[in-house]
Amino acid sequence: MSAYREGDKVVVMVPSRLTKAEEEQWIATILERLEERERRRRPSDADLQCRARELSRRYLSGRADPVSVRWVANQRTRWGSCTPDDGTIRLSTRLRGMPGWVVDYVLVHELAHLLIPGHGADFWELVGNYPKADRARGYLEGVAAAAHLPLEADAPDDVADIHHGDGLHRGGEYPHEAAG
């Protein structure tokens, strides 16, 4: 038995030997499991906010306290962004469905920007508190390369915002956060 999404539909495959009642029962069970799995992999904005607070507590001594954390669909070349002035964090909907540890990395990256605006050594030291930071960066770089998106311009030891080429962040936002 298996189930998968095909566009807006869910295709459920069950053995033909099942009775109609067994088939209905298994379909209900499979759909419930699929929904639960998708819910875990596609958290709501409220779930993101809770997760961000937990990650801040765990990896940043609770010092980063975002006012809001939400999904946005308008980030085509970045995974997340942050506005330290108002404490908001936005994650690209392109992250939905990626492994939780990758989404956590982007959240930690953006949370670190609430404490340190640039990409200096002190910033990367904070991000490095997340144990899967290097692995998640590699995962996102692979996704970006496969999608022919620009790769992150700033390496962990870069101080300036090379992505813009001017060493400045515009409008208080850090538009290339967590690369991609």
N, C-alpha and C. Protein backbone atom coordinates (compact mmCIF):
# COMPACT_ATOMS: atom_id res chain seq x y z
N MET A 1 0.85 -1.17 0.00
CA MET A 1 0.00 0.00 0.00
C MET A 1 0.89 1.23 0.00
N SER A 2 0.48 2.24 -0.75
CA SER A 2 1.25 3.47 -0.79
C SER A 2 0.34 4.62 -1.19
N ALA A 3 0.84 5.82 -0.94
CA ALA A 3 0.10 7.03 -1.31
C ALA A 3 1.11 8.08 -1.72
N TYR A 4 0.74 8.88 -2.69
CA TYR A 4 1.58 9.99 -3.11
C TYR A 4 0.70 11.08 -3.70
N ARG A 5 1.26 12.28 -3.73
CA ARG A 5 0.55 13.42 -4.31
C ARG A 5 0.85 13.50 -5.79
N GLU A 6 -0.19 13.79 -6.55
CA GLU A 6 -0.04 14.04 -7.98
C GLU A 6 -0.83 15.32 -8.25
N GLY A 7 -0.12 16.45 -8.22
CA GLY A 7 -0.80 17.73 -8.32
C GLY A 7 -1.63 17.97 -7.08
N ASP A 8 -2.93 18.26 -7.27
CA ASP A 8 -3.83 18.50 -6.14
C ASP A 8 -4.48 17.22 -5.62
N LYS A 9 -4.18 16.09 -6.23
CA LYS A 9 -4.81 14.83 -5.84
C LYS A 9 -3.84 13.95 -5.08
N VAL A 10 -4.40 13.06 -4.27
CA VAL A 10 -3.62 12.03 -3.59
C VAL A 10 -3.97 10.70 -4.24
N VAL A 11 -2.96 9.99 -4.69
CA VAL A 11 -3.16 8.68 -5.30
C VAL A 11 -2.82 7.64 -4.24
N VAL A 12 -3.78 6.77 -3.96
CA VAL A 12 -3.61 5.71 -2.97
C VAL A 12 -3.67 4.38 -3.71
N MET A 13 -2.68 3.55 -3.48
CA MET A 13 -2.64 2.23 -4.12
C MET A 13 -2.80 1.17 -3.04
N VAL A 14 -3.81 0.31 -3.22
CA VAL A 14 -4.06 -0.78 -2.28
C VAL A 14 -4.22 -2.07 -3.07
N PRO A 15 -3.93 -3.20 -2.42
CA PRO A 15 -4.10 -4.48 -3.11
C PRO A 15 -5.56 -4.72 -3.51
N SER A 16 -5.77 -5.32 -4.64
CA SER A 16 -7.12 -5.57 -5.13
C SER A 16 -7.85 -6.64 -4.33
N ARG A 17 -7.14 -7.42 -3.53
CA ARG A 17 -7.75 -8.49 -2.77
C ARG A 17 -8.52 -7.99 -1.54
N LEU A 18 -8.38 -6.70 -1.19
CA LEU A 18 -9.08 -6.16 -0.02
C LEU A 18 -10.57 -6.04 -0.30
N THR A 19 -11.35 -6.24 0.77
CA THR A 19 -12.78 -5.99 0.64
C THR A 19 -13.00 -4.48 0.57
N LYS A 20 -14.18 -4.08 0.18
CA LYS A 20 -14.49 -2.64 0.09
C LYS A 20 -14.32 -1.97 1.45
N ALA A 21 -14.77 -2.63 2.52
CA ALA A 21 -14.64 -2.08 3.88
C ALA A 21 -13.17 -1.96 4.29
N GLU A 22 -12.36 -3.00 3.99
CA GLU A 22 -10.93 -2.94 4.30
C GLU A 22 -10.25 -1.84 3.50
N GLU A 23 -10.62 -1.74 2.25
CA GLU A 23 -10.04 -0.71 1.39
C GLU A 23 -10.33 0.68 1.95
N GLU A 24 -11.57 0.94 2.34
CA GLU A 24 -11.93 2.24 2.89
C GLU A 24 -11.17 2.52 4.18
N GLN A 25 -11.04 1.49 5.01
CA GLN A 25 -10.32 1.65 6.28
C GLN A 25 -8.84 1.98 6.03
N TRP A 26 -8.21 1.23 5.11
CA TRP A 26 -6.80 1.49 4.82
C TRP A 26 -6.59 2.85 4.16
N ILE A 27 -7.49 3.24 3.28
CA ILE A 27 -7.37 4.55 2.64
C ILE A 27 -7.44 5.66 3.69
N ALA A 28 -8.39 5.54 4.61
CA ALA A 28 -8.51 6.54 5.68
C ALA A 28 -7.23 6.60 6.52
N THR A 29 -6.69 5.42 6.85
CA THR A 29 -5.46 5.36 7.65
C THR A 29 -4.28 5.98 6.90
N ILE A 30 -4.14 5.62 5.64
CA ILE A 30 -3.03 6.14 4.83
C ILE A 30 -3.15 7.65 4.67
N LEU A 31 -4.35 8.15 4.40
CA LEU A 31 -4.54 9.60 4.24
C LEU A 31 -4.24 10.34 5.53
N GLU A 32 -4.62 9.75 6.66
CA GLU A 32 -4.33 10.36 7.96
C GLU A 32 -2.81 10.43 8.19
N ARG A 33 -2.11 9.36 7.87
CA ARG A 33 -0.65 9.35 8.02
C ARG A 33 0.01 10.35 7.09
N LEU A 34 -0.47 10.42 5.86
CA LEU A 34 0.08 11.38 4.90
C LEU A 34 -0.13 12.81 5.38
N GLU A 35 -1.33 13.09 5.89
CA GLU A 35 -1.62 14.43 6.40
C GLU A 35 -0.71 14.78 7.58
N GLU A 36 -0.51 13.85 8.48
CA GLU A 36 0.36 14.08 9.64
C GLU A 36 1.80 14.32 9.19
N ARG A 37 2.28 13.52 8.25
CA ARG A 37 3.64 13.69 7.74
C ARG A 37 3.80 15.06 7.07
N GLU A 38 2.81 15.45 6.29
CA GLU A 38 2.87 16.75 5.63
C GLU A 38 2.79 17.89 6.63
N ARG A 39 1.98 17.72 7.68
CA ARG A 39 1.88 18.76 8.70
C ARG A 39 3.23 18.97 9.38
N ARG A 40 3.91 17.86 9.67
CA ARG A 40 5.24 17.98 10.30
C ARG A 40 6.24 18.64 9.36
N ARG A 41 6.14 18.34 8.06
CA ARG A 41 7.10 18.89 7.10
C ARG A 41 6.69 20.26 6.56
N ARG A 42 5.48 20.68 6.85
CA ARG A 42 4.98 21.98 6.38
C ARG A 42 4.35 22.72 7.55
N PRO A 43 5.17 23.14 8.50
CA PRO A 43 4.62 23.79 9.70
C PRO A 43 3.93 25.12 9.36
N SER A 44 2.96 25.47 10.19
CA SER A 44 2.26 26.75 10.04
C SER A 44 3.16 27.88 10.54
N ASP A 45 2.71 29.12 10.33
CA ASP A 45 3.46 30.27 10.85
C ASP A 45 3.57 30.18 12.38
N ALA A 46 2.50 29.78 13.04
CA ALA A 46 2.54 29.64 14.50
C ALA A 46 3.55 28.57 14.92
N ASP A 47 3.59 27.46 14.16
CA ASP A 47 4.57 26.41 14.44
C ASP A 47 5.99 26.95 14.26
N LEU A 48 6.20 27.75 13.21
CA LEU A 48 7.52 28.34 12.97
C LEU A 48 7.94 29.24 14.13
N GLN A 49 7.00 30.05 14.62
CA GLN A 49 7.28 30.95 15.74
C GLN A 49 7.72 30.15 16.96
N CYS A 50 6.99 29.09 17.27
CA CYS A 50 7.34 28.24 18.42
C CYS A 50 8.69 27.58 18.21
N ARG A 51 8.92 27.09 17.01
CA ARG A 51 10.19 26.43 16.71
C ARG A 51 11.35 27.41 16.84
N ALA A 52 11.16 28.62 16.34
CA ALA A 52 12.22 29.64 16.43
C ALA A 52 12.56 29.94 17.89
N ARG A 53 11.56 30.04 18.72
CA ARG A 53 11.83 30.30 20.15
C ARG A 53 12.60 29.15 20.79
N GLU A 54 12.22 27.92 20.42
CA GLU A 54 12.92 26.75 20.96
C GLU A 54 14.37 26.72 20.48
N LEU A 55 14.60 27.01 19.21
CA LEU A 55 15.96 27.04 18.67
C LEU A 55 16.79 28.14 19.31
N SER A 56 16.17 29.30 19.53
CA SER A 56 16.87 30.39 20.21
C SER A 56 17.29 29.96 21.61
N ARG A 57 16.37 29.32 22.32
CA ARG A 57 16.68 28.85 23.67
C ARG A 57 17.83 27.83 23.65
N ARG A 58 17.75 26.90 22.70
CA ARG A 58 18.71 25.81 22.66
C ARG A 58 20.10 26.23 22.18
N TYR A 59 20.15 27.08 21.15
CA TYR A 59 21.44 27.37 20.51
C TYR A 59 21.95 28.80 20.67
N LEU A 60 21.07 29.70 21.12
CA LEU A 60 21.48 31.10 21.26
C LEU A 60 21.18 31.63 22.67
N SER A 61 21.12 30.75 23.63
CA SER A 61 20.86 31.09 25.03
C SER A 61 19.57 31.89 25.20
N GLY A 62 18.63 31.73 24.29
CA GLY A 62 17.35 32.43 24.38
C GLY A 62 17.41 33.92 24.09
N ARG A 63 18.54 34.39 23.61
CA ARG A 63 18.72 35.84 23.41
C ARG A 63 17.98 36.39 22.20
N ALA A 64 17.73 35.58 21.20
CA ALA A 64 17.01 36.05 20.01
C ALA A 64 15.52 35.80 20.23
N ASP A 65 14.73 36.86 20.19
CA ASP A 65 13.30 36.75 20.46
C ASP A 65 12.53 37.41 19.31
N PRO A 66 12.22 36.64 18.28
CA PRO A 66 11.54 37.23 17.12
C PRO A 66 10.11 37.66 17.46
N VAL A 67 9.70 38.78 16.89
CA VAL A 67 8.33 39.26 17.04
C VAL A 67 7.40 38.41 16.19
N SER A 68 7.84 38.09 14.98
CA SER A 68 7.05 37.21 14.12
C SER A 68 7.97 36.38 13.24
N VAL A 69 7.49 35.19 12.92
CA VAL A 69 8.17 34.29 12.01
C VAL A 69 7.08 33.75 11.08
N ARG A 70 7.28 33.90 9.78
CA ARG A 70 6.22 33.47 8.87
C ARG A 70 6.78 33.02 7.53
N TRP A 71 5.98 32.26 6.82
CA TRP A 71 6.30 31.83 5.46
C TRP A 71 5.96 32.96 4.50
N VAL A 72 6.78 33.12 3.46
CA VAL A 72 6.47 34.07 2.39
C VAL A 72 6.78 33.41 1.05
N ALA A 73 6.00 33.77 0.05
CA ALA A 73 6.14 33.16 -1.27
C ALA A 73 6.95 34.03 -2.24
N ASN A 74 7.36 35.21 -1.81
CA ASN A 74 8.02 36.14 -2.74
C ASN A 74 9.54 36.08 -2.71
N GLN A 75 10.12 35.09 -2.05
CA GLN A 75 11.58 34.96 -2.01
C GLN A 75 12.00 33.87 -2.98
N ARG A 76 12.48 34.29 -4.13
CA ARG A 76 12.84 33.34 -5.19
C ARG A 76 14.31 32.97 -5.18
N THR A 77 15.16 33.83 -4.62
CA THR A 77 16.59 33.56 -4.66
C THR A 77 17.21 33.52 -3.26
N ARG A 78 16.39 33.46 -2.24
CA ARG A 78 16.91 33.37 -0.87
C ARG A 78 16.02 32.44 -0.08
N TRP A 79 16.58 31.88 0.97
CA TRP A 79 15.84 30.94 1.81
C TRP A 79 15.12 31.64 2.94
N GLY A 80 15.65 32.74 3.39
CA GLY A 80 15.02 33.46 4.48
C GLY A 80 15.55 34.87 4.55
N SER A 81 14.86 35.70 5.31
CA SER A 81 15.31 37.07 5.52
C SER A 81 14.85 37.53 6.90
N CYS A 82 15.47 38.60 7.34
CA CYS A 82 15.25 39.08 8.69
C CYS A 82 15.32 40.60 8.69
N THR A 83 14.46 41.23 9.47
CA THR A 83 14.54 42.68 9.69
C THR A 83 14.76 42.87 11.19
N PRO A 84 16.02 43.07 11.59
CA PRO A 84 16.31 43.21 13.02
C PRO A 84 15.57 44.37 13.68
N ASP A 85 15.33 45.46 12.94
CA ASP A 85 14.67 46.64 13.52
C ASP A 85 13.29 46.32 14.09
N ASP A 86 12.55 45.43 13.44
CA ASP A 86 11.23 45.10 13.95
C ASP A 86 11.11 43.65 14.42
N GLY A 87 12.19 42.90 14.36
CA GLY A 87 12.21 41.54 14.88
C GLY A 87 11.45 40.52 14.06
N THR A 88 11.32 40.77 12.76
CA THR A 88 10.58 39.83 11.92
C THR A 88 11.52 38.92 11.14
N ILE A 89 11.08 37.69 10.98
CA ILE A 89 11.80 36.69 10.20
C ILE A 89 10.81 36.12 9.18
N ARG A 90 11.29 35.97 7.95
CA ARG A 90 10.49 35.40 6.89
C ARG A 90 11.26 34.24 6.27
N LEU A 91 10.56 33.12 6.05
CA LEU A 91 11.18 31.97 5.40
C LEU A 91 10.49 31.73 4.07
N SER A 92 11.28 31.41 3.07
CA SER A 92 10.73 31.12 1.75
C SER A 92 9.90 29.85 1.79
N THR A 93 8.76 29.88 1.13
CA THR A 93 7.92 28.69 1.04
C THR A 93 8.64 27.57 0.28
N ARG A 94 9.74 27.90 -0.43
CA ARG A 94 10.53 26.85 -1.09
C ARG A 94 11.13 25.88 -0.10
N LEU A 95 11.21 26.27 1.18
CA LEU A 95 11.75 25.39 2.22
C LEU A 95 10.74 24.35 2.68
N ARG A 96 9.47 24.59 2.41
CA ARG A 96 8.43 23.65 2.84
C ARG A 96 8.68 22.29 2.21
N GLY A 97 8.63 21.28 3.04
CA GLY A 97 8.87 19.93 2.57
C GLY A 97 10.31 19.50 2.68
N MET A 98 11.24 20.45 2.92
CA MET A 98 12.64 20.07 3.12
C MET A 98 12.77 19.48 4.52
N PRO A 99 13.84 18.74 4.77
CA PRO A 99 14.02 18.16 6.11
C PRO A 99 13.98 19.23 7.20
N GLY A 100 13.43 18.87 8.34
CA GLY A 100 13.30 19.80 9.45
C GLY A 100 14.62 20.42 9.88
N TRP A 101 15.71 19.64 9.83
CA TRP A 101 17.01 20.16 10.25
C TRP A 101 17.51 21.26 9.31
N VAL A 102 17.05 21.26 8.06
CA VAL A 102 17.42 22.32 7.12
C VAL A 102 16.63 23.59 7.45
N VAL A 103 15.33 23.44 7.69
CA VAL A 103 14.51 24.59 8.08
C VAL A 103 15.03 25.16 9.40
N ASP A 104 15.41 24.29 10.32
CA ASP A 104 15.98 24.75 11.60
C ASP A 104 17.23 25.57 11.37
N TYR A 105 18.09 25.13 10.45
CA TYR A 105 19.30 25.89 10.16
C TYR A 105 18.96 27.30 9.68
N VAL A 106 18.01 27.42 8.76
CA VAL A 106 17.64 28.74 8.25
C VAL A 106 17.07 29.59 9.38
N LEU A 107 16.28 28.98 10.24
CA LEU A 107 15.76 29.73 11.39
C LEU A 107 16.89 30.21 12.30
N VAL A 108 17.85 29.33 12.60
CA VAL A 108 18.98 29.73 13.46
C VAL A 108 19.76 30.86 12.79
N HIS A 109 19.97 30.76 11.49
CA HIS A 109 20.69 31.80 10.74
C HIS A 109 19.99 33.14 10.90
N GLU A 110 18.67 33.14 10.70
CA GLU A 110 17.91 34.39 10.81
C GLU A 110 17.83 34.87 12.25
N LEU A 111 17.69 33.96 13.20
CA LEU A 111 17.69 34.34 14.61
C LEU A 111 19.01 35.01 14.99
N ALA A 112 20.11 34.47 14.46
CA ALA A 112 21.42 35.06 14.75
C ALA A 112 21.49 36.50 14.24
N HIS A 113 20.78 36.79 13.15
CA HIS A 113 20.75 38.16 12.64
C HIS A 113 19.98 39.12 13.54
N LEU A 114 19.11 38.61 14.37
CA LEU A 114 18.45 39.49 15.35
C LEU A 114 19.47 39.98 16.37
N LEU A 115 20.55 39.24 16.53
CA LEU A 115 21.60 39.59 17.49
C LEU A 115 22.78 40.28 16.83
N ILE A 116 23.13 39.84 15.63
CA ILE A 116 24.29 40.37 14.90
C ILE A 116 23.87 40.57 13.44
N PRO A 117 23.81 41.82 12.98
CA PRO A 117 23.31 42.08 11.63
C PRO A 117 24.15 41.53 10.48
N GLY A 118 25.45 41.61 10.54
CA GLY A 118 26.29 41.23 9.41
C GLY A 118 26.67 39.76 9.41
N HIS A 119 27.62 39.43 8.53
CA HIS A 119 28.09 38.05 8.39
C HIS A 119 29.55 37.92 8.83
N GLY A 120 29.90 38.60 9.90
CA GLY A 120 31.27 38.50 10.41
C GLY A 120 31.50 37.22 11.19
N ALA A 121 32.71 37.08 11.69
CA ALA A 121 33.09 35.87 12.42
C ALA A 121 32.20 35.63 13.63
N ASP A 122 31.81 36.70 14.32
CA ASP A 122 30.96 36.54 15.50
C ASP A 122 29.57 36.00 15.12
N PHE A 123 29.08 36.42 13.97
CA PHE A 123 27.81 35.90 13.47
C PHE A 123 27.92 34.40 13.19
N TRP A 124 28.94 34.00 12.44
CA TRP A 124 29.10 32.59 12.07
C TRP A 124 29.39 31.73 13.29
N GLU A 125 30.00 32.30 14.31
CA GLU A 125 30.20 31.55 15.55
C GLU A 125 28.86 31.21 16.19
N LEU A 126 27.94 32.18 16.19
CA LEU A 126 26.60 31.91 16.72
C LEU A 126 25.89 30.83 15.90
N VAL A 127 25.90 30.98 14.58
CA VAL A 127 25.24 30.01 13.71
C VAL A 127 25.86 28.63 13.90
N GLY A 128 27.17 28.59 14.14
CA GLY A 128 27.88 27.34 14.35
C GLY A 128 27.45 26.58 15.59
N ASN A 129 26.69 27.23 16.48
CA ASN A 129 26.14 26.53 17.64
C ASN A 129 25.13 25.47 17.22
N TYR A 130 24.56 25.65 16.04
CA TYR A 130 23.61 24.65 15.53
C TYR A 130 24.44 23.51 14.95
N PRO A 131 24.31 22.29 15.49
CA PRO A 131 25.22 21.20 15.12
C PRO A 131 25.15 20.74 13.66
N LYS A 132 24.06 21.00 12.97
CA LYS A 132 23.96 20.58 11.57
C LYS A 132 24.10 21.75 10.61
N ALA A 133 24.73 22.83 11.05
CA ALA A 133 24.86 24.03 10.22
C ALA A 133 25.59 23.73 8.91
N ASP A 134 26.74 23.10 8.97
CA ASP A 134 27.51 22.83 7.74
C ASP A 134 26.75 21.88 6.82
N ARG A 135 26.15 20.87 7.40
CA ARG A 135 25.39 19.91 6.59
C ARG A 135 24.21 20.61 5.90
N ALA A 136 23.50 21.45 6.64
CA ALA A 136 22.34 22.15 6.07
C ALA A 136 22.77 23.14 4.99
N ARG A 137 23.88 23.84 5.21
CA ARG A 137 24.39 24.76 4.17
C ARG A 137 24.70 23.99 2.89
N GLY A 138 25.33 22.83 3.04
CA GLY A 138 25.63 22.00 1.87
C GLY A 138 24.37 21.53 1.17
N TYR A 139 23.37 21.16 1.94
CA TYR A 139 22.09 20.72 1.37
C TYR A 139 21.48 21.86 0.55
N LEU A 140 21.42 23.05 1.14
CA LEU A 140 20.82 24.20 0.45
C LEU A 140 21.63 24.60 -0.78
N GLU A 141 22.95 24.51 -0.69
CA GLU A 141 23.78 24.81 -1.85
C GLU A 141 23.52 23.81 -2.97
N GLY A 142 23.31 22.53 -2.61
CA GLY A 142 22.99 21.52 -3.61
C GLY A 142 21.64 21.78 -4.27
N VAL A 143 20.65 22.15 -3.47
CA VAL A 143 19.32 22.47 -4.01
C VAL A 143 19.42 23.67 -4.94
N ALA A 144 20.16 24.70 -4.51
CA ALA A 144 20.30 25.90 -5.33
C ALA A 144 21.02 25.58 -6.64
N ALA A 145 22.06 24.77 -6.57
CA ALA A 145 22.80 24.41 -7.78
C ALA A 145 21.91 23.62 -8.74
N ALA A 146 21.14 22.68 -8.20
CA ALA A 146 20.27 21.87 -9.04
C ALA A 146 19.18 22.71 -9.70
N ALA A 147 18.77 23.77 -9.01
CA ALA A 147 17.73 24.65 -9.55
C ALA A 147 18.32 25.80 -10.36
N HIS A 148 19.66 25.80 -10.51
CA HIS A 148 20.37 26.85 -11.24
C HIS A 148 20.13 28.23 -10.63
N LEU A 149 20.06 28.27 -9.29
CA LEU A 149 19.92 29.53 -8.56
C LEU A 149 21.31 30.02 -8.19
N PRO A 150 21.45 31.32 -7.93
CA PRO A 150 22.76 31.81 -7.50
C PRO A 150 23.14 31.19 -6.16
N LEU A 151 24.40 30.82 -6.02
CA LEU A 151 24.88 30.27 -4.76
C LEU A 151 25.24 31.39 -3.82
N GLU A 152 25.27 31.07 -2.54
CA GLU A 152 25.60 32.06 -1.53
C GLU A 152 26.98 32.64 -1.80
N ALA A 153 27.06 33.95 -1.78
CA ALA A 153 28.32 34.63 -2.08
C ALA A 153 29.22 34.75 -0.87
N ASP A 154 28.65 34.80 0.32
CA ASP A 154 29.49 35.04 1.49
C ASP A 154 29.81 33.75 2.21
N ALA A 155 31.07 33.47 2.33
CA ALA A 155 31.55 32.32 3.09
C ALA A 155 31.58 32.72 4.56
N PRO A 156 31.65 31.75 5.46
CA PRO A 156 31.61 32.08 6.88
C PRO A 156 32.67 33.07 7.34
N ASP A 157 33.79 33.21 6.63
CA ASP A 157 34.81 34.14 7.10
C ASP A 157 34.70 35.51 6.44
N ASP A 158 33.70 35.72 5.59
CA ASP A 158 33.52 37.02 4.97
C ASP A 158 32.88 37.98 5.95
N VAL A 159 33.29 39.23 5.91
CA VAL A 159 32.75 40.25 6.80
C VAL A 159 31.74 41.11 6.04
N ALA A 160 32.04 41.45 4.82
CA ALA A 160 31.17 42.33 4.05
C ALA A 160 30.07 41.55 3.36
N ASP A 161 29.05 42.25 2.97
CA ASP A 161 27.95 41.64 2.22
C ASP A 161 28.34 41.63 0.76
N ILE A 162 29.04 40.60 0.33
CA ILE A 162 29.55 40.50 -1.03
C ILE A 162 28.41 40.33 -2.02
N HIS A 163 27.31 39.74 -1.57
CA HIS A 163 26.18 39.47 -2.46
C HIS A 163 25.74 40.74 -3.20
N HIS A 164 25.70 41.86 -2.50
CA HIS A 164 25.30 43.12 -3.14
C HIS A 164 26.48 43.86 -3.75
N GLY A 165 27.69 43.46 -3.38
CA GLY A 165 28.87 44.10 -3.93
C GLY A 165 29.16 45.47 -3.36
N ASP A 166 28.32 45.96 -2.44
CA ASP A 166 28.53 47.30 -1.92
C ASP A 166 28.83 47.30 -0.43
N GLY A 167 28.86 46.12 0.18
CA GLY A 167 29.16 46.03 1.60
C GLY A 167 28.04 46.54 2.49
N LEU A 168 26.87 46.82 1.92
CA LEU A 168 25.76 47.37 2.68
C LEU A 168 24.54 46.47 2.58
N HIS A 169 23.75 46.47 3.61
CA HIS A 169 22.44 45.81 3.56
C HIS A 169 21.42 46.90 3.31
N ARG A 170 20.43 46.61 2.52
CA ARG A 170 19.45 47.63 2.16
C ARG A 170 18.22 47.54 3.04
N GLY A 171 17.73 48.68 3.47
CA GLY A 171 16.46 48.77 4.16
C GLY A 171 16.38 47.99 5.45
N GLY A 172 17.50 47.71 6.09
CA GLY A 172 17.50 46.98 7.34
C GLY A 172 17.27 45.48 7.16
N GLU A 173 17.13 45.02 5.93
CA GLU A 173 16.93 43.60 5.69
C GLU A 173 18.22 42.97 5.23
N TYR A 174 18.30 41.67 5.39
CA TYR A 174 19.46 40.92 4.96
C TYR A 174 18.95 39.94 3.91
N PRO A 175 18.86 40.41 2.66
CA PRO A 175 18.10 39.70 1.66
C PRO A 175 18.67 38.38 1.17
N HIS A 176 19.89 38.04 1.45
CA HIS A 176 20.41 36.78 0.94
C HIS A 176 20.61 35.76 2.04
N GLU A 177 19.92 35.93 3.13
CA GLU A 177 20.11 35.08 4.28
C GLU A 177 20.06 33.61 3.91
N ALA A 178 20.87 32.86 4.55
CA ALA A 178 20.90 31.40 4.44
C ALA A 178 20.94 30.93 3.00
N ALA A 179 21.43 31.74 2.14
CA ALA A 179 21.75 31.42 0.75
C ALA A 179 20.63 30.83 -0.07
N GLY A 180 20.85 30.85 -1.34
CA GLY A 180 19.98 30.16 -2.25
C GLY A 180 19.11 31.07 -2.97
